[in-house]
């Protein structure tokens, strides 16, 4: 099986699941539900000792297969099979065997991953030196509007702006170091507007032929998302809508637009998003900040 993995990365609510489902519907590519755990094992690998010893290798394989997110993938794993197909006793080989087994179960011969490795690309690159990264970016104001409705993530607009700003700048910086042969960006808005054009470009980047089945991802999305996670991916069963792009222009107040820019203007400019002319009267923004910080203090 092709040992050239690719990783779909992006801050939450940016369209990572959309892009994952599109690639997962490709006849040659399998992209299971999120992992998030790969770099944890890289950082703790020494605790397993010498992997040439069966008991240590068995423990590592067992622990990975017991990961909560992995147990939610639409596949049944067998530890003995994983052990039998690893190419060498390394973390990379074990991860490859697990993902390859998943892909084989779907009748495919290549795998990818979709997880929040924005701040850990350098570690993924150490584990898989041939890996490629696709960073999907969405306007931070739409990300904020979406994530603030969920129980996880930032709790207020300032936190959402800082969160988006930090990770966008970090990922773009690391991507610049990796270079254009290993790192590619795609705007959520461009993907929604012209999915075929963007998917052809991204398929070329990872060395695959585009297939029109990628455009029909929503028809099989139901079986590709764990039951426990469907609530936060409730739009996956339908094609993307233009109304989901730049919705902040209608949904955010002028004060909140200015407030977001106070904390994320540099990153908005970095990735080419519009910044409306600011209100010269700063009092509404100052009052909005004060309300947020007071609320934070009261919550402690």
Protein backbone atom coordinates (compact mmCIF):
# COMPACT_ATOMS: atom_id res chain seq x y z
CA UNK A 1 0.00 0.00 0.00
CA UNK A 2 1.19 3.48 -0.85
CA UNK A 3 3.18 4.87 2.05
CA UNK A 4 2.61 8.54 1.19
CA UNK A 5 0.03 9.80 3.67
CA UNK A 6 -1.56 13.21 3.57
CA UNK A 7 -3.02 15.15 6.47
CA UNK A 8 -6.01 17.47 6.27
CA UNK A 9 -5.50 20.13 8.90
CA UNK A 10 -7.43 23.20 9.95
CA UNK A 11 -8.90 24.92 12.95
CA UNK A 12 -12.28 23.60 14.10
CA UNK A 13 -15.35 24.70 12.09
CA UNK A 14 -13.24 25.51 9.03
CA UNK A 15 -14.49 22.73 6.75
CA UNK A 16 -12.03 19.96 7.64
CA UNK A 17 -14.87 17.42 7.77
CA UNK A 18 -16.20 18.60 4.43
CA UNK A 19 -12.80 18.13 2.81
CA UNK A 20 -12.26 14.81 4.56
CA UNK A 21 -15.56 13.43 3.24
CA UNK A 22 -14.74 14.60 -0.28
CA UNK A 23 -11.43 12.73 -0.25
CA UNK A 24 -12.95 9.74 1.52
CA UNK A 25 -15.40 9.36 -1.37
CA UNK A 26 -12.51 9.03 -3.83
CA UNK A 27 -12.32 5.42 -5.11
CA UNK A 28 -8.64 5.14 -4.18
CA UNK A 29 -8.49 7.07 -0.89
CA UNK A 30 -9.73 6.34 2.63
CA UNK A 31 -9.79 9.07 5.27
CA UNK A 32 -11.23 7.77 8.54
CA UNK A 33 -12.73 9.84 11.29
CA UNK A 34 -10.33 11.95 13.38
CA UNK A 35 -7.31 10.57 15.22
CA UNK A 36 -5.62 13.38 17.20
CA UNK A 37 -3.50 10.81 19.03
CA UNK A 38 -0.57 10.14 16.69
CA UNK A 39 1.75 12.77 18.12
CA UNK A 40 0.90 11.74 21.69
CA UNK A 41 2.50 8.35 21.01
CA UNK A 42 5.48 9.97 19.35
CA UNK A 43 6.06 12.07 22.47
CA UNK A 44 5.64 9.09 24.81
CA UNK A 45 7.27 6.39 22.70
CA UNK A 46 10.19 5.87 25.09
CA UNK A 47 7.79 4.71 27.80
CA UNK A 48 7.10 1.57 25.76
CA UNK A 49 10.72 0.51 25.79
CA UNK A 50 12.47 -1.54 23.13
CA UNK A 51 9.92 -2.38 20.41
CA UNK A 52 11.99 -5.35 19.25
CA UNK A 53 10.50 -7.09 22.28
CA UNK A 54 7.06 -8.51 21.54
CA UNK A 55 5.49 -7.48 24.84
CA UNK A 56 6.40 -3.82 24.25
CA UNK A 57 5.22 -3.83 20.66
CA UNK A 58 1.99 -5.59 21.64
CA UNK A 59 1.34 -3.02 24.36
CA UNK A 60 1.82 -0.11 21.94
CA UNK A 61 -0.48 -1.63 19.30
CA UNK A 62 -3.08 -2.43 21.96
CA UNK A 63 -3.06 1.08 23.39
CA UNK A 64 -3.42 2.73 20.00
CA UNK A 65 -6.30 0.46 19.04
CA UNK A 66 -8.05 1.34 22.30
CA UNK A 67 -8.00 5.07 21.56
CA UNK A 68 -11.51 6.44 21.98
CA UNK A 69 -11.64 8.15 18.59
CA UNK A 70 -10.21 5.16 16.78
CA UNK A 71 -12.83 2.87 18.31
CA UNK A 72 -15.44 5.09 16.64
CA UNK A 73 -14.08 4.51 13.14
CA UNK A 74 -16.30 2.42 10.87
CA UNK A 75 -13.94 -0.55 10.96
CA UNK A 76 -13.08 -3.51 13.20
CA UNK A 77 -9.40 -3.93 13.94
CA UNK A 78 -7.48 -7.05 14.93
CA UNK A 79 -4.24 -6.48 16.82
CA UNK A 80 -2.64 -9.69 15.53
CA UNK A 81 -3.29 -8.62 11.93
CA UNK A 82 -1.77 -5.20 12.53
CA UNK A 83 1.30 -6.81 14.06
CA UNK A 84 1.60 -9.17 11.11
CA UNK A 85 1.53 -6.46 8.45
CA UNK A 86 3.84 -3.86 9.99
CA UNK A 87 6.93 -3.32 7.85
CA UNK A 88 9.21 -2.64 10.81
CA UNK A 89 8.85 -2.09 14.53
CA UNK A 90 8.42 1.66 14.46
CA UNK A 91 5.57 4.00 15.32
CA UNK A 92 5.29 5.10 11.69
CA UNK A 93 4.96 1.51 10.53
CA UNK A 94 2.31 0.73 13.15
CA UNK A 95 0.25 3.81 12.27
CA UNK A 96 0.61 3.00 8.58
CA UNK A 97 -0.54 -0.58 9.20
CA UNK A 98 -3.62 0.61 11.09
CA UNK A 99 -4.63 3.13 8.45
CA UNK A 100 -3.77 0.73 5.62
CA UNK A 101 -5.96 -1.94 7.18
CA UNK A 102 -8.77 0.60 7.38
CA UNK A 103 -8.26 1.57 3.73
CA UNK A 104 -8.14 -2.06 2.63
CA UNK A 105 -11.46 -2.61 4.38
CA UNK A 106 -12.93 0.09 2.15
CA UNK A 107 -11.42 -1.44 -0.97
CA UNK A 108 -8.87 1.35 -1.31
CA UNK A 109 -5.09 1.51 -1.36
CA UNK A 110 -4.23 4.93 0.05
CA UNK A 111 -4.99 6.71 3.31
CA UNK A 112 -5.18 10.20 4.69
CA UNK A 113 -5.98 11.73 8.06
CA UNK A 114 -8.08 14.64 9.28
CA UNK A 115 -7.14 15.99 12.71
CA UNK A 116 -6.14 19.15 14.56
CA UNK A 117 -2.40 18.86 13.97
CA UNK A 118 -1.97 22.55 13.08
CA UNK A 119 0.50 23.05 15.91
CA UNK A 120 2.10 19.61 15.46
CA UNK A 121 2.87 19.48 11.77
CA UNK A 122 6.56 19.38 12.58
CA UNK A 123 6.05 16.20 14.60
CA UNK A 124 3.91 14.54 11.95
CA UNK A 125 6.62 15.44 9.46
CA UNK A 126 9.21 13.70 11.63
CA UNK A 127 7.08 10.55 11.85
CA UNK A 128 6.21 10.58 8.14
CA UNK A 129 8.91 12.45 6.18
CA UNK A 130 6.97 11.91 2.94
CA UNK A 131 3.71 13.32 4.34
CA UNK A 132 1.83 16.13 2.66
CA UNK A 133 -0.40 18.65 4.43
CA UNK A 134 -3.59 20.29 3.18
CA UNK A 135 -4.60 23.28 5.29
CA UNK A 136 -8.20 24.37 4.86
CA UNK A 137 -8.79 27.96 5.94
CA UNK A 138 -12.13 29.65 6.60
CA UNK A 139 -12.84 33.29 7.38
CA UNK A 140 -12.26 33.60 11.12
CA UNK A 141 -15.46 35.53 11.68
CA UNK A 142 -17.54 32.64 10.32
CA UNK A 143 -15.44 30.24 12.39
CA UNK A 144 -16.17 32.32 15.50
CA UNK A 145 -19.90 32.42 14.81
CA UNK A 146 -19.93 28.65 14.46
CA UNK A 147 -17.65 27.59 17.31
CA UNK A 148 -19.30 29.87 19.90
CA UNK A 149 -22.48 27.81 19.51
CA UNK A 150 -20.71 24.63 20.56
CA UNK A 151 -19.82 23.28 24.03
CA UNK A 152 -16.10 23.02 23.21
CA UNK A 153 -13.63 25.68 22.19
CA UNK A 154 -13.55 29.41 22.97
CA UNK A 155 -16.34 30.84 25.10
CA UNK A 156 -16.40 34.42 23.83
CA UNK A 157 -15.57 36.44 20.73
CA UNK A 158 -12.20 37.65 22.01
CA UNK A 159 -11.17 34.07 22.76
CA UNK A 160 -12.36 32.92 19.34
CA UNK A 161 -10.42 35.69 17.58
CA UNK A 162 -7.23 34.95 19.52
CA UNK A 163 -7.65 31.19 18.90
CA UNK A 164 -8.14 31.62 15.14
CA UNK A 165 -5.39 34.21 14.85
CA UNK A 166 -2.80 32.12 16.69
CA UNK A 167 -3.36 28.88 14.80
CA UNK A 168 -3.64 30.47 11.36
CA UNK A 169 -0.36 32.32 11.78
CA UNK A 170 1.37 29.25 13.20
CA UNK A 171 0.19 26.90 10.46
CA UNK A 172 1.05 29.33 7.67
CA UNK A 173 4.52 29.84 9.16
CA UNK A 174 5.22 26.12 9.42
CA UNK A 175 3.76 25.60 5.95
CA UNK A 176 6.17 28.15 4.53
CA UNK A 177 9.06 26.19 6.04
CA UNK A 178 7.75 22.87 4.69
CA UNK A 179 7.45 24.33 1.21
CA UNK A 180 4.94 24.08 -1.62
CA UNK A 181 5.72 20.42 -2.36
CA UNK A 182 4.59 19.39 1.12
CA UNK A 183 2.07 22.05 2.14
CA UNK A 184 -0.98 23.41 0.33
CA UNK A 185 -3.77 25.73 1.36
CA UNK A 186 -7.38 25.86 0.28
CA UNK A 187 -10.01 28.41 1.25
CA UNK A 188 -13.29 26.98 2.49
CA UNK A 189 -15.08 29.65 0.48
CA UNK A 190 -13.30 28.66 -2.75
CA UNK A 191 -14.02 24.98 -2.11
CA UNK A 192 -17.73 25.69 -1.69
CA UNK A 193 -17.88 27.98 -4.72
CA UNK A 194 -16.00 25.71 -7.13
CA UNK A 195 -15.35 22.29 -5.55
CA UNK A 196 -14.26 20.60 -8.76
CA UNK A 197 -11.57 23.17 -9.50
CA UNK A 198 -10.16 23.07 -5.97
CA UNK A 199 -10.32 19.29 -5.66
CA UNK A 200 -8.49 18.84 -8.96
CA UNK A 201 -5.74 21.11 -7.67
CA UNK A 202 -5.51 19.25 -4.36
CA UNK A 203 -5.55 15.83 -6.01
CA UNK A 204 -2.65 16.92 -8.19
CA UNK A 205 -0.84 18.07 -5.05
CA UNK A 206 -1.08 14.62 -3.43
CA UNK A 207 -0.46 12.77 -6.69
CA UNK A 208 -3.92 11.36 -7.39
CA UNK A 209 -6.33 11.67 -10.29
CA UNK A 210 -9.45 13.66 -9.52
CA UNK A 211 -12.62 11.58 -9.53
CA UNK A 212 -16.12 13.03 -9.90
CA UNK A 213 -17.35 10.82 -7.05
CA UNK A 214 -15.64 13.29 -4.71
CA UNK A 215 -18.39 15.78 -5.54
CA UNK A 216 -21.05 13.33 -4.33
CA UNK A 217 -19.53 12.89 -0.87
CA UNK A 218 -22.79 13.87 0.86
CA UNK A 219 -24.54 10.76 -0.44
CA UNK A 220 -22.41 8.50 1.74
CA UNK A 221 -21.60 10.91 4.57
CA UNK A 222 -24.00 9.25 6.98
CA UNK A 223 -21.95 6.07 7.32
CA UNK A 224 -18.61 7.94 7.45
CA UNK A 225 -19.37 9.89 10.65
CA UNK A 226 -19.74 8.18 14.05
CA UNK A 227 -23.23 8.29 15.50
CA UNK A 228 -22.00 10.13 18.60
CA UNK A 229 -20.51 12.92 16.45
CA UNK A 230 -23.31 13.50 13.94
CA UNK A 231 -24.86 16.39 15.85
CA UNK A 232 -21.85 18.63 15.26
CA UNK A 233 -21.65 17.56 11.61
CA UNK A 234 -25.35 17.88 10.86
CA UNK A 235 -24.76 19.56 7.49
CA UNK A 236 -22.60 16.77 6.11
CA UNK A 237 -25.44 14.99 4.37
CA UNK A 238 -26.05 17.81 1.91
CA UNK A 239 -23.91 19.75 -0.60
CA UNK A 240 -22.22 22.88 0.77
CA UNK A 241 -24.24 26.06 0.46
CA UNK A 242 -23.01 29.45 -0.65
CA UNK A 243 -24.96 30.93 2.27
CA UNK A 244 -22.41 29.41 4.64
CA UNK A 245 -19.65 31.57 3.20
CA UNK A 246 -19.10 35.05 4.58
CA UNK A 247 -22.27 34.75 6.67
CA UNK A 248 -20.62 37.04 9.22
CA UNK A 249 -21.46 40.01 6.99
CA UNK A 250 -25.13 39.51 7.87
CA UNK A 251 -24.85 37.87 11.26
CA UNK A 252 -22.23 39.96 13.09
CA UNK A 253 -22.77 43.45 14.42
CA UNK A 254 -20.38 46.19 13.32
CA UNK A 255 -19.06 46.31 16.87
CA UNK A 256 -18.26 42.60 16.87
CA UNK A 257 -16.65 42.83 13.44
CA UNK A 258 -14.34 45.55 14.77
CA UNK A 259 -13.74 43.60 17.97
CA UNK A 260 -12.66 40.51 16.02
CA UNK A 261 -10.31 42.64 13.91
CA UNK A 262 -8.69 44.00 17.07
CA UNK A 263 -7.36 40.52 17.80
CA UNK A 264 -7.05 38.91 14.36
CA UNK A 265 -6.44 41.60 11.75
CA UNK A 266 -2.92 40.42 11.00
CA UNK A 267 -4.07 36.91 10.19
CA UNK A 268 -7.09 38.11 8.24
CA UNK A 269 -4.71 40.12 6.09
CA UNK A 270 -2.19 37.27 5.90
CA UNK A 271 -4.68 34.90 4.28
CA UNK A 272 -6.43 37.55 2.22
CA UNK A 273 -9.77 38.18 3.89
CA UNK A 274 -11.63 41.47 3.70
CA UNK A 275 -11.41 43.89 6.62
CA UNK A 276 -14.21 46.46 6.51
CA UNK A 277 -13.48 50.07 7.30
CA UNK A 278 -13.54 50.49 11.03
CA UNK A 279 -15.84 52.70 13.02
CA UNK A 280 -13.93 55.73 14.31
CA UNK A 281 -16.02 55.64 17.47
CA UNK A 282 -14.18 53.05 19.58
CA UNK A 283 -16.48 53.27 22.60
CA UNK A 284 -18.81 50.39 21.54
CA UNK A 285 -15.81 48.08 21.05
CA UNK A 286 -14.29 49.05 24.38
CA UNK A 287 -17.60 48.37 26.14
CA UNK A 288 -17.91 45.00 24.39
CA UNK A 289 -14.42 44.04 25.57
CA UNK A 290 -15.23 45.14 29.08
CA UNK A 291 -18.37 43.00 29.17
CA UNK A 292 -16.38 39.96 28.02
CA UNK A 293 -13.61 40.40 30.57
CA UNK A 294 -16.08 41.04 33.40
CA UNK A 295 -17.95 37.87 32.44
CA UNK A 296 -14.69 35.93 32.49
CA UNK A 297 -13.85 37.23 35.95
CA UNK A 298 -17.28 36.34 37.31
CA UNK A 299 -16.97 32.83 35.89
CA UNK A 300 -13.79 32.10 37.87
